[in-house]
Amino acid sequence: MASTPAVASLYRRCLKLSLDWTVHRYIWRGQAVYIRSLFDANKHVREPRQQRALFQEAEQLLETWKHPDPYRPPTAPGGSKFERNIPAPILDPPPHMTL
């Protein structure tokens, strides 16, 4: 049976995947509303077998539509600006030695 956190995670992954394929937010918003309508259409399904089948079908669609080059924020790991111009490490001078 698909639990509420699992369905919420699936919903978030669907939204993120659609954002990978869409350049502009105003276009993506329409897709997000459509995805929400698909989830709302099946929210009254209570039979575990049907829930499992819907969950597996959605997982397969996510895998099918996976973007080959997903969007990453520039400053995130794997982004184009990750660790670019990082500040120099602060090195304390060595302690003064008296001989």
PDB file of N, CA and C in Angstrom:
ATOM      1  N   MET A   1       0.836  -1.173   0.000  1.00  0.00           N
ATOM      2  CA  MET A   1       0.000   0.000   0.000  1.00  0.00           C
ATOM      3  C   MET A   1       0.884   1.241   0.000  1.00  0.00           C
ATOM      4  N   ALA A   2       0.503   2.214  -0.811  1.00  0.00           N
ATOM      5  CA  ALA A   2       1.288   3.435  -0.929  1.00  0.00           C
ATOM      6  C   ALA A   2       0.957   4.363   0.231  1.00  0.00           C
ATOM      7  N   SER A   3       1.959   4.694   1.019  1.00  0.00           N
ATOM      8  CA  SER A   3       1.744   5.564   2.168  1.00  0.00           C
ATOM      9  C   SER A   3       1.738   7.025   1.711  1.00  0.00           C
ATOM     10  N   THR A   4       1.263   7.886   2.570  1.00  0.00           N
ATOM     11  CA  THR A   4       1.175   9.308   2.253  1.00  0.00           C
ATOM     12  C   THR A   4       2.550   9.918   1.956  1.00  0.00           C
ATOM     13  N   PRO A   5       3.595   9.627   2.756  1.00  0.00           N
ATOM     14  CA  PRO A   5       4.913  10.190   2.411  1.00  0.00           C
ATOM     15  C   PRO A   5       5.443   9.673   1.063  1.00  0.00           C
ATOM     16  N   ALA A   6       5.153   8.424   0.730  1.00  0.00           N
ATOM     17  CA  ALA A   6       5.619   7.884  -0.549  1.00  0.00           C
ATOM     18  C   ALA A   6       4.923   8.581  -1.712  1.00  0.00           C
ATOM     19  N   VAL A   7       3.631   8.836  -1.565  1.00  0.00           N
ATOM     20  CA  VAL A   7       2.888   9.526  -2.620  1.00  0.00           C
ATOM     21  C   VAL A   7       3.352  10.974  -2.732  1.00  0.00           C
ATOM     22  N   ALA A   8       3.613  11.613  -1.606  1.00  0.00           N
ATOM     23  CA  ALA A   8       4.117  12.988  -1.630  1.00  0.00           C
ATOM     24  C   ALA A   8       5.487  13.048  -2.297  1.00  0.00           C
ATOM     25  N   SER A   9       6.329  12.066  -2.024  1.00  0.00           N
ATOM     26  CA  SER A   9       7.643  12.004  -2.663  1.00  0.00           C
ATOM     27  C   SER A   9       7.511  11.799  -4.166  1.00  0.00           C
ATOM     28  N   LEU A  10       6.600  10.939  -4.557  1.00  0.00           N
ATOM     29  CA  LEU A  10       6.356  10.696  -5.985  1.00  0.00           C
ATOM     30  C   LEU A  10       5.861  11.974  -6.657  1.00  0.00           C
ATOM     31  N   TYR A  11       4.969  12.688  -5.999  1.00  0.00           N
ATOM     32  CA  TYR A  11       4.439  13.943  -6.533  1.00  0.00           C
ATOM     33  C   TYR A  11       5.561  14.970  -6.713  1.00  0.00           C
ATOM     34  N   ARG A  12       6.421  15.104  -5.701  1.00  0.00           N
ATOM     35  CA  ARG A  12       7.545  16.047  -5.797  1.00  0.00           C
ATOM     36  C   ARG A  12       8.494  15.651  -6.928  1.00  0.00           C
ATOM     37  N   ARG A  13       8.757  14.359  -7.062  1.00  0.00           N
ATOM     38  CA  ARG A  13       9.649  13.918  -8.143  1.00  0.00           C
ATOM     39  C   ARG A  13       9.036  14.194  -9.508  1.00  0.00           C
ATOM     40  N   CYS A  14       7.718  14.043  -9.622  1.00  0.00           N
ATOM     41  CA  CYS A  14       7.039  14.363 -10.882  1.00  0.00           C
ATOM     42  C   CYS A  14       7.182  15.846 -11.210  1.00  0.00           C
ATOM     43  N   LEU A  15       7.004  16.696 -10.199  1.00  0.00           N
ATOM     44  CA  LEU A  15       7.140  18.133 -10.423  1.00  0.00           C
ATOM     45  C   LEU A  15       8.571  18.505 -10.811  1.00  0.00           C
ATOM     46  N   LYS A  16       9.543  17.906 -10.134  1.00  0.00           N
ATOM     47  CA  LYS A  16      10.936  18.204 -10.457  1.00  0.00           C
ATOM     48  C   LYS A  16      11.300  17.717 -11.857  1.00  0.00           C
ATOM     49  N   LEU A  17      10.774  16.571 -12.233  1.00  0.00           N
ATOM     50  CA  LEU A  17      11.051  16.051 -13.574  1.00  0.00           C
ATOM     51  C   LEU A  17      10.444  16.962 -14.636  1.00  0.00           C
ATOM     52  N   SER A  18       9.224  17.428 -14.408  1.00  0.00           N
ATOM     53  CA  SER A  18       8.618  18.333 -15.389  1.00  0.00           C
ATOM     54  C   SER A  18       9.385  19.646 -15.462  1.00  0.00           C
ATOM     55  N   LEU A  19       9.971  20.073 -14.352  1.00  0.00           N
ATOM     56  CA  LEU A  19      10.776  21.290 -14.352  1.00  0.00           C
ATOM     57  C   LEU A  19      12.074  21.092 -15.140  1.00  0.00           C
ATOM     58  N   ASP A  20      12.597  19.858 -15.183  1.00  0.00           N
ATOM     59  CA  ASP A  20      13.786  19.583 -15.994  1.00  0.00           C
ATOM     60  C   ASP A  20      13.506  19.774 -17.479  1.00  0.00           C
ATOM     61  N   TRP A  21      12.289  19.470 -17.910  1.00  0.00           N
ATOM     62  CA  TRP A  21      11.941  19.544 -19.324  1.00  0.00           C
ATOM     63  C   TRP A  21      11.420  20.908 -19.740  1.00  0.00           C
ATOM     64  N   THR A  22      11.050  21.756 -18.811  1.00  0.00           N
ATOM     65  CA  THR A  22      10.431  23.040 -19.122  1.00  0.00           C
ATOM     66  C   THR A  22      11.377  24.172 -18.783  1.00  0.00           C
ATOM     67  N   VAL A  23      11.525  25.096 -19.723  1.00  0.00           N
ATOM     68  CA  VAL A  23      12.458  26.193 -19.526  1.00  0.00           C
ATOM     69  C   VAL A  23      11.819  27.321 -18.721  1.00  0.00           C
ATOM     70  N   HIS A  24      10.591  27.669 -19.044  1.00  0.00           N
ATOM     71  CA  HIS A  24       9.943  28.826 -18.433  1.00  0.00           C
ATOM     72  C   HIS A  24       8.969  28.401 -17.340  1.00  0.00           C
ATOM     73  N   ARG A  25       8.955  29.159 -16.263  1.00  0.00           N
ATOM     74  CA  ARG A  25       8.075  28.835 -15.138  1.00  0.00           C
ATOM     75  C   ARG A  25       6.602  28.981 -15.493  1.00  0.00           C
ATOM     76  N   TYR A  26       6.230  29.930 -16.331  1.00  0.00           N
ATOM     77  CA  TYR A  26       4.823  30.105 -16.654  1.00  0.00           C
ATOM     78  C   TYR A  26       4.290  28.923 -17.469  1.00  0.00           C
ATOM     79  N   ILE A  27       5.131  28.265 -18.210  1.00  0.00           N
ATOM     80  CA  ILE A  27       4.715  27.041 -18.911  1.00  0.00           C
ATOM     81  C   ILE A  27       4.676  25.878 -17.917  1.00  0.00           C
ATOM     82  N   TRP A  28       5.677  25.818 -17.045  1.00  0.00           N
ATOM     83  CA  TRP A  28       5.743  24.741 -16.056  1.00  0.00           C
ATOM     84  C   TRP A  28       4.554  24.765 -15.118  1.00  0.00           C
ATOM     85  N   ARG A  29       4.054  25.941 -14.798  1.00  0.00           N
ATOM     86  CA  ARG A  29       2.923  26.042 -13.874  1.00  0.00           C
ATOM     87  C   ARG A  29       1.698  25.305 -14.416  1.00  0.00           C
ATOM     88  N   GLY A  30       1.449  25.409 -15.713  1.00  0.00           N
ATOM     89  CA  GLY A  30       0.343  24.670 -16.324  1.00  0.00           C
ATOM     90  C   GLY A  30       0.547  23.168 -16.217  1.00  0.00           C
ATOM     91  N   GLN A  31       1.787  22.725 -16.404  1.00  0.00           N
ATOM     92  CA  GLN A  31       2.089  21.306 -16.269  1.00  0.00           C
ATOM     93  C   GLN A  31       1.929  20.851 -14.824  1.00  0.00           C
ATOM     94  N   ALA A  32       2.306  21.692 -13.881  1.00  0.00           N
ATOM     95  CA  ALA A  32       2.174  21.349 -12.463  1.00  0.00           C
ATOM     96  C   ALA A  32       0.699  21.199 -12.081  1.00  0.00           C
ATOM     97  N   VAL A  33      -0.140  22.060 -12.612  1.00  0.00           N
ATOM     98  CA  VAL A  33      -1.575  21.961 -12.345  1.00  0.00           C
ATOM     99  C   VAL A  33      -2.130  20.670 -12.943  1.00  0.00           C
ATOM    100  N   TYR A  34      -1.662  20.308 -14.134  1.00  0.00           N
ATOM    101  CA  TYR A  34      -2.106  19.062 -14.769  1.00  0.00           C
ATOM    102  C   TYR A  34      -1.668  17.837 -13.952  1.00  0.00           C
ATOM    103  N   ILE A  35      -0.428  17.842 -13.474  1.00  0.00           N
ATOM    104  CA  ILE A  35       0.071  16.730 -12.649  1.00  0.00           C
ATOM    105  C   ILE A  35      -0.752  16.625 -11.372  1.00  0.00           C
ATOM    106  N   ARG A  36      -1.066  17.771 -10.777  1.00  0.00           N
ATOM    107  CA  ARG A  36      -1.881  17.755  -9.562  1.00  0.00           C
ATOM    108  C   ARG A  36      -3.265  17.164  -9.839  1.00  0.00           C
ATOM    109  N   SER A  37      -3.833  17.489 -11.000  1.00  0.00           N
ATOM    110  CA  SER A  37      -5.157  16.938 -11.340  1.00  0.00           C
ATOM    111  C   SER A  37      -5.100  15.423 -11.507  1.00  0.00           C
ATOM    112  N   LEU A  38      -3.989  14.909 -12.028  1.00  0.00           N
ATOM    113  CA  LEU A  38      -3.846  13.452 -12.155  1.00  0.00           C
ATOM    114  C   LEU A  38      -3.778  12.788 -10.783  1.00  0.00           C
ATOM    115  N   PHE A  39      -3.059  13.397  -9.858  1.00  0.00           N
ATOM    116  CA  PHE A  39      -2.967  12.838  -8.512  1.00  0.00           C
ATOM    117  C   PHE A  39      -4.316  12.948  -7.785  1.00  0.00           C
ATOM    118  N   ASP A  40      -4.997  14.075  -7.971  1.00  0.00           N
ATOM    119  CA  ASP A  40      -6.304  14.250  -7.321  1.00  0.00           C
ATOM    120  C   ASP A  40      -7.347  13.281  -7.868  1.00  0.00           C
ATOM    121  N   ALA A  41      -7.235  12.920  -9.143  1.00  0.00           N
ATOM    122  CA  ALA A  41      -8.200  11.999  -9.738  1.00  0.00           C
ATOM    123  C   ALA A  41      -8.114  10.612  -9.108  1.00  0.00           C
ATOM    124  N   ASN A  42      -6.950  10.258  -8.566  1.00  0.00           N
ATOM    125  CA  ASN A  42      -6.755   8.925  -7.995  1.00  0.00           C
ATOM    126  C   ASN A  42      -6.628   8.928  -6.475  1.00  0.00           C
ATOM    127  N   LYS A  43      -6.941  10.034  -5.836  1.00  0.00           N
ATOM    128  CA  LYS A  43      -6.744  10.073  -4.385  1.00  0.00           C
ATOM    129  C   LYS A  43      -7.805   9.293  -3.613  1.00  0.00           C
ATOM    130  N   HIS A  44      -8.895   8.911  -4.250  1.00  0.00           N
ATOM    131  CA  HIS A  44      -9.944   8.165  -3.559  1.00  0.00           C
ATOM    132  C   HIS A  44      -9.789   6.651  -3.726  1.00  0.00           C
ATOM    133  N   VAL A  45      -8.724   6.214  -4.377  1.00  0.00           N
ATOM    134  CA  VAL A  45      -8.474   4.782  -4.538  1.00  0.00           C
ATOM    135  C   VAL A  45      -8.012   4.231  -3.191  1.00  0.00           C
ATOM    136  N   ARG A  46      -8.735   3.251  -2.666  1.00  0.00           N
ATOM    137  CA  ARG A  46      -8.425   2.692  -1.347  1.00  0.00           C
ATOM    138  C   ARG A  46      -7.934   1.249  -1.408  1.00  0.00           C
ATOM    139  N   GLU A  47      -8.132   0.581  -2.510  1.00  0.00           N
ATOM    140  CA  GLU A  47      -7.722  -0.818  -2.604  1.00  0.00           C
ATOM    141  C   GLU A  47      -6.203  -0.887  -2.784  1.00  0.00           C
ATOM    142  N   PRO A  48      -5.512  -1.637  -1.931  1.00  0.00           N
ATOM    143  CA  PRO A  48      -4.041  -1.684  -1.987  1.00  0.00           C
ATOM    144  C   PRO A  48      -3.488  -2.139  -3.337  1.00  0.00           C
ATOM    145  N   ARG A  49      -4.143  -3.085  -3.974  1.00  0.00           N
ATOM    146  CA  ARG A  49      -3.631  -3.551  -5.278  1.00  0.00           C
ATOM    147  C   ARG A  49      -3.700  -2.449  -6.326  1.00  0.00           C
ATOM    148  N   GLN A  50      -4.792  -1.713  -6.342  1.00  0.00           N
ATOM    149  CA  GLN A  50      -4.901  -0.608  -7.290  1.00  0.00           C
ATOM    150  C   GLN A  50      -3.898   0.490  -6.967  1.00  0.00           C
ATOM    151  N   GLN A  51      -3.697   0.774  -5.686  1.00  0.00           N
ATOM    152  CA  GLN A  51      -2.716   1.778  -5.296  1.00  0.00           C
ATOM    153  C   GLN A  51      -1.318   1.370  -5.736  1.00  0.00           C
ATOM    154  N   ARG A  52      -0.996   0.106  -5.499  1.00  0.00           N
ATOM    155  CA  ARG A  52       0.326  -0.395  -5.882  1.00  0.00           C
ATOM    156  C   ARG A  52       0.517  -0.307  -7.391  1.00  0.00           C
ATOM    157  N   ALA A  53      -0.530  -0.664  -8.151  1.00  0.00           N
ATOM    158  CA  ALA A  53      -0.441  -0.614  -9.617  1.00  0.00           C
ATOM    159  C   ALA A  53      -0.270   0.832 -10.092  1.00  0.00           C
ATOM    160  N   LEU A  54      -1.009   1.763  -9.519  1.00  0.00           N
ATOM    161  CA  LEU A  54      -0.876   3.167  -9.894  1.00  0.00           C
ATOM    162  C   LEU A  54       0.514   3.696  -9.543  1.00  0.00           C
ATOM    163  N   PHE A  55       1.009   3.304  -8.375  1.00  0.00           N
ATOM    164  CA  PHE A  55       2.329   3.747  -7.934  1.00  0.00           C
ATOM    165  C   PHE A  55       3.420   3.224  -8.871  1.00  0.00           C
ATOM    166  N   GLN A  56       3.333   1.938  -9.229  1.00  0.00           N
ATOM    167  CA  GLN A  56       4.333   1.353 -10.130  1.00  0.00           C
ATOM    168  C   GLN A  56       4.248   1.966 -11.524  1.00  0.00           C
ATOM    169  N   GLU A  57       3.032   2.254 -11.983  1.00  0.00           N
ATOM    170  CA  GLU A  57       2.866   2.887 -13.291  1.00  0.00           C
ATOM    171  C   GLU A  57       3.506   4.281 -13.302  1.00  0.00           C
ATOM    172  N   ALA A  58       3.298   5.024 -12.234  1.00  0.00           N
ATOM    173  CA  ALA A  58       3.902   6.353 -12.142  1.00  0.00           C
ATOM    174  C   ALA A  58       5.425   6.261 -12.076  1.00  0.00           C
ATOM    175  N   GLU A  59       5.941   5.288 -11.333  1.00  0.00           N
ATOM    176  CA  GLU A  59       7.399   5.098 -11.267  1.00  0.00           C
ATOM    177  C   GLU A  59       7.973   4.780 -12.648  1.00  0.00           C
ATOM    178  N   GLN A  60       7.280   3.943 -13.411  1.00  0.00           N
ATOM    179  CA  GLN A  60       7.739   3.605 -14.760  1.00  0.00           C
ATOM    180  C   GLN A  60       7.711   4.827 -15.671  1.00  0.00           C
ATOM    181  N   LEU A  61       6.672   5.656 -15.537  1.00  0.00           N
ATOM    182  CA  LEU A  61       6.613   6.876 -16.345  1.00  0.00           C
ATOM    183  C   LEU A  61       7.751   7.826 -15.978  1.00  0.00           C
ATOM    184  N   LEU A  62       8.064   7.925 -14.702  1.00  0.00           N
ATOM    185  CA  LEU A  62       9.188   8.763 -14.292  1.00  0.00           C
ATOM    186  C   LEU A  62      10.496   8.278 -14.910  1.00  0.00           C
ATOM    187  N   GLU A  63      10.688   6.977 -14.912  1.00  0.00           N
ATOM    188  CA  GLU A  63      11.915   6.414 -15.487  1.00  0.00           C
ATOM    189  C   GLU A  63      11.947   6.627 -17.001  1.00  0.00           C
ATOM    190  N   THR A  64      10.801   6.513 -17.647  1.00  0.00           N
ATOM    191  CA  THR A  64      10.723   6.698 -19.100  1.00  0.00           C
ATOM    192  C   THR A  64      11.036   8.138 -19.484  1.00  0.00           C
ATOM    193  N   TRP A  65      10.507   9.093 -18.729  1.00  0.00           N
ATOM    194  CA  TRP A  65      10.655  10.501 -19.054  1.00  0.00           C
ATOM    195  C   TRP A  65      11.854  11.156 -18.373  1.00  0.00           C
ATOM    196  N   LYS A  66      12.724  10.369 -17.789  1.00  0.00           N
ATOM    197  CA  LYS A  66      13.890  10.931 -17.104  1.00  0.00           C
ATOM    198  C   LYS A  66      14.734  11.754 -18.084  1.00  0.00           C
ATOM    199  N   HIS A  67      15.079  12.947 -17.672  1.00  0.00           N
ATOM    200  CA  HIS A  67      15.834  13.856 -18.542  1.00  0.00           C
ATOM    201  C   HIS A  67      17.298  13.430 -18.601  1.00  0.00           C
ATOM    202  N   PRO A  68      17.908  13.418 -19.806  1.00  0.00           N
ATOM    203  CA  PRO A  68      19.314  12.999 -19.902  1.00  0.00           C
ATOM    204  C   PRO A  68      20.280  13.993 -19.257  1.00  0.00           C
ATOM    205  N   ASP A  69      19.894  15.254 -19.192  1.00  0.00           N
ATOM    206  CA  ASP A  69      20.746  16.283 -18.589  1.00  0.00           C
ATOM    207  C   ASP A  69      19.880  17.138 -17.664  1.00  0.00           C
ATOM    208  N   PRO A  70      19.555  16.628 -16.452  1.00  0.00           N
ATOM    209  CA  PRO A  70      18.624  17.348 -15.585  1.00  0.00           C
ATOM    210  C   PRO A  70      19.184  18.685 -15.118  1.00  0.00           C
ATOM    211  N   TYR A  71      18.273  19.587 -14.803  1.00  0.00           N
ATOM    212  CA  TYR A  71      18.665  20.913 -14.332  1.00  0.00           C
ATOM    213  C   TYR A  71      19.255  20.823 -12.931  1.00  0.00           C
ATOM    214  N   ARG A  72      20.374  21.499 -12.770  1.00  0.00           N
ATOM    215  CA  ARG A  72      20.993  21.627 -11.459  1.00  0.00           C
ATOM    216  C   ARG A  72      21.254  23.108 -11.230  1.00  0.00           C
ATOM    217  N   PRO A  73      20.950  23.605 -10.060  1.00  0.00           N
ATOM    218  CA  PRO A  73      21.297  25.009  -9.794  1.00  0.00           C
ATOM    219  C   PRO A  73      22.802  25.205  -9.964  1.00  0.00           C
ATOM    220  N   PRO A  74      23.216  26.340 -10.513  1.00  0.00           N
ATOM    221  CA  PRO A  74      24.636  26.541 -10.809  1.00  0.00           C
ATOM    222  C   PRO A  74      25.567  26.361  -9.619  1.00  0.00           C
ATOM    223  N   THR A  75      25.138  26.757  -8.436  1.00  0.00           N
ATOM    224  CA  THR A  75      26.038  26.670  -7.285  1.00  0.00           C
ATOM    225  C   THR A  75      25.921  25.353  -6.528  1.00  0.00           C
ATOM    226  N   ALA A  76      25.055  24.444  -6.989  1.00  0.00           N
ATOM    227  CA  ALA A  76      24.900  23.140  -6.346  1.00  0.00           C
ATOM    228  C   ALA A  76      25.999  22.193  -6.829  1.00  0.00           C
ATOM    229  N   PRO A  77      26.285  21.117  -6.091  1.00  0.00           N
ATOM    230  CA  PRO A  77      27.278  20.150  -6.575  1.00  0.00           C
ATOM    231  C   PRO A  77      26.876  19.619  -7.946  1.00  0.00           C
ATOM    232  N   GLY A  78      27.804  19.675  -8.873  1.00  0.00           N
ATOM    233  CA  GLY A  78      27.521  19.277 -10.246  1.00  0.00           C
ATOM    234  C   GLY A  78      27.096  20.442 -11.116  1.00  0.00           C
ATOM    235  N   GLY A  79      26.855  21.601 -10.521  1.00  0.00           N
ATOM    236  CA  GLY A  79      26.470  22.796 -11.274  1.00  0.00           C
ATOM    237  C   GLY A  79      27.689  23.463 -11.892  1.00  0.00           C
ATOM    238  N   SER A  80      27.445  24.393 -12.813  1.00  0.00           N
ATOM    239  CA  SER A  80      28.539  25.017 -13.549  1.00  0.00           C
ATOM    240  C   SER A  80      29.374  25.975 -12.698  1.00  0.00           C
ATOM    241  N   LYS A  81      28.828  26.460 -11.587  1.00  0.00           N
ATOM    242  CA  LYS A  81      29.576  27.389 -10.732  1.00  0.00           C
ATOM    243  C   LYS A  81      29.972  26.769  -9.398  1.00  0.00           C
ATOM    244  N   PHE A  82      29.839  25.458  -9.266  1.00  0.00           N
ATOM    245  CA  PHE A  82      30.134  24.824  -7.987  1.00  0.00           C
ATOM    246  C   PHE A  82      31.599  25.005  -7.631  1.00  0.00           C
ATOM    247  N   GLU A  83      31.846  25.539  -6.460  1.00  0.00           N
ATOM    248  CA  GLU A  83      33.182  25.793  -5.913  1.00  0.00           C
ATOM    249  C   GLU A  83      34.024  26.708  -6.793  1.00  0.00           C
ATOM    250  N   ARG A  84      33.373  27.554  -7.577  1.00  0.00           N
ATOM    251  CA  ARG A  84      34.108  28.533  -8.353  1.00  0.00           C
ATOM    252  C   ARG A  84      34.302  29.769  -7.481  1.00  0.00           C
ATOM    253  N   ASN A  85      35.492  30.280  -7.461  1.00  0.00           N
ATOM    254  CA  ASN A  85      35.834  31.465  -6.673  1.00  0.00           C
ATOM    255  C   ASN A  85      35.527  31.268  -5.194  1.00  0.00           C
ATOM    256  N   ILE A  86      35.900  30.131  -4.679  1.00  0.00           N
ATOM    257  CA  ILE A  86      35.680  29.912  -3.256  1.00  0.00           C
ATOM    258  C   ILE A  86      36.683  30.759  -2.480  1.00  0.00           C
ATOM    259  N   PRO A  87      36.318  31.220  -1.311  1.00  0.00           N
ATOM    260  CA  PRO A  87      37.257  32.047  -0.542  1.00  0.00           C
ATOM    261  C   PRO A  87      38.478  31.228  -0.116  1.00  0.00           C
ATOM    262  N   ALA A  88      39.591  31.914  -0.042  1.00  0.00           N
ATOM    263  CA  ALA A  88      40.833  31.251   0.364  1.00  0.00           C
ATOM    264  C   ALA A  88      40.719  30.795   1.812  1.00  0.00           C
ATOM    265  N   PRO A  89      41.303  29.661   2.112  1.00  0.00           N
ATOM    266  CA  PRO A  89      41.241  29.203   3.504  1.00  0.00           C
ATOM    267  C   PRO A  89      42.010  30.159   4.417  1.00  0.00           C
ATOM    268  N   ILE A  90      41.523  30.333   5.606  1.00  0.00           N
ATOM    269  CA  ILE A  90      42.187  31.193   6.569  1.00  0.00           C
ATOM    270  C   ILE A  90      43.226  30.361   7.305  1.00  0.00           C
ATOM    271  N   LEU A  91      44.469  30.696   7.063  1.00  0.00           N
ATOM    272  CA  LEU A  91      45.572  29.974   7.702  1.00  0.00           C
ATOM    273  C   LEU A  91      46.188  30.846   8.761  1.00  0.00           C
ATOM    274  N   ASP A  92      46.175  30.379   9.961  1.00  0.00           N
ATOM    275  CA  ASP A  92      46.811  31.121  11.055  1.00  0.00           C
ATOM    276  C   ASP A  92      48.314  30.979  10.913  1.00  0.00           C
ATOM    277  N   PRO A  93      49.031  32.055  11.200  1.00  0.00           N
ATOM    278  CA  PRO A  93      50.493  31.932  11.127  1.00  0.00           C
ATOM    279  C   PRO A  93      50.978  30.966  12.202  1.00  0.00           C
ATOM    280  N   PRO A  94      52.118  30.365  11.967  1.00  0.00           N
ATOM    281  CA  PRO A  94      52.633  29.438  12.969  1.00  0.00           C
ATOM    282  C   PRO A  94      52.976  30.179  14.258  1.00  0.00           C
ATOM    283  N   PRO A  95      52.924  29.519  15.384  1.00  0.00           N
ATOM    284  CA  PRO A  95      53.229  30.188  16.666  1.00  0.00           C
ATOM    285  C   PRO A  95      54.678  30.663  16.689  1.00  0.00           C
ATOM    286  N   HIS A  96      54.886  31.764  17.389  1.00  0.00           N
ATOM    287  CA  HIS A  96      56.234  32.335  17.485  1.00  0.00           C
ATOM    288  C   HIS A  96      57.119  31.439  18.338  1.00  0.00           C
ATOM    289  N   MET A  97      58.285  31.122  17.832  1.00  0.00           N
ATOM    290  CA  MET A  97      59.213  30.243  18.563  1.00  0.00           C
ATOM    291  C   MET A  97      60.402  31.061  19.056  1.00  0.00           C
ATOM    292  N   THR A  98      60.734  30.913  20.275  1.00  0.00           N
ATOM    293  CA  THR A  98      61.933  31.581  20.833  1.00  0.00           C
ATOM    294  C   THR A  98      62.983  30.535  21.079  1.00  0.00           C
ATOM    295  N   LEU A  99      64.142  30.801  20.599  1.00  0.00           N
ATOM    296  CA  LEU A  99      65.245  29.854  20.777  1.00  0.00           C
ATOM    297  C   LEU A  99      66.236  30.290  21.790  1.00  0.00           C
TER     298      LEU A  99
END
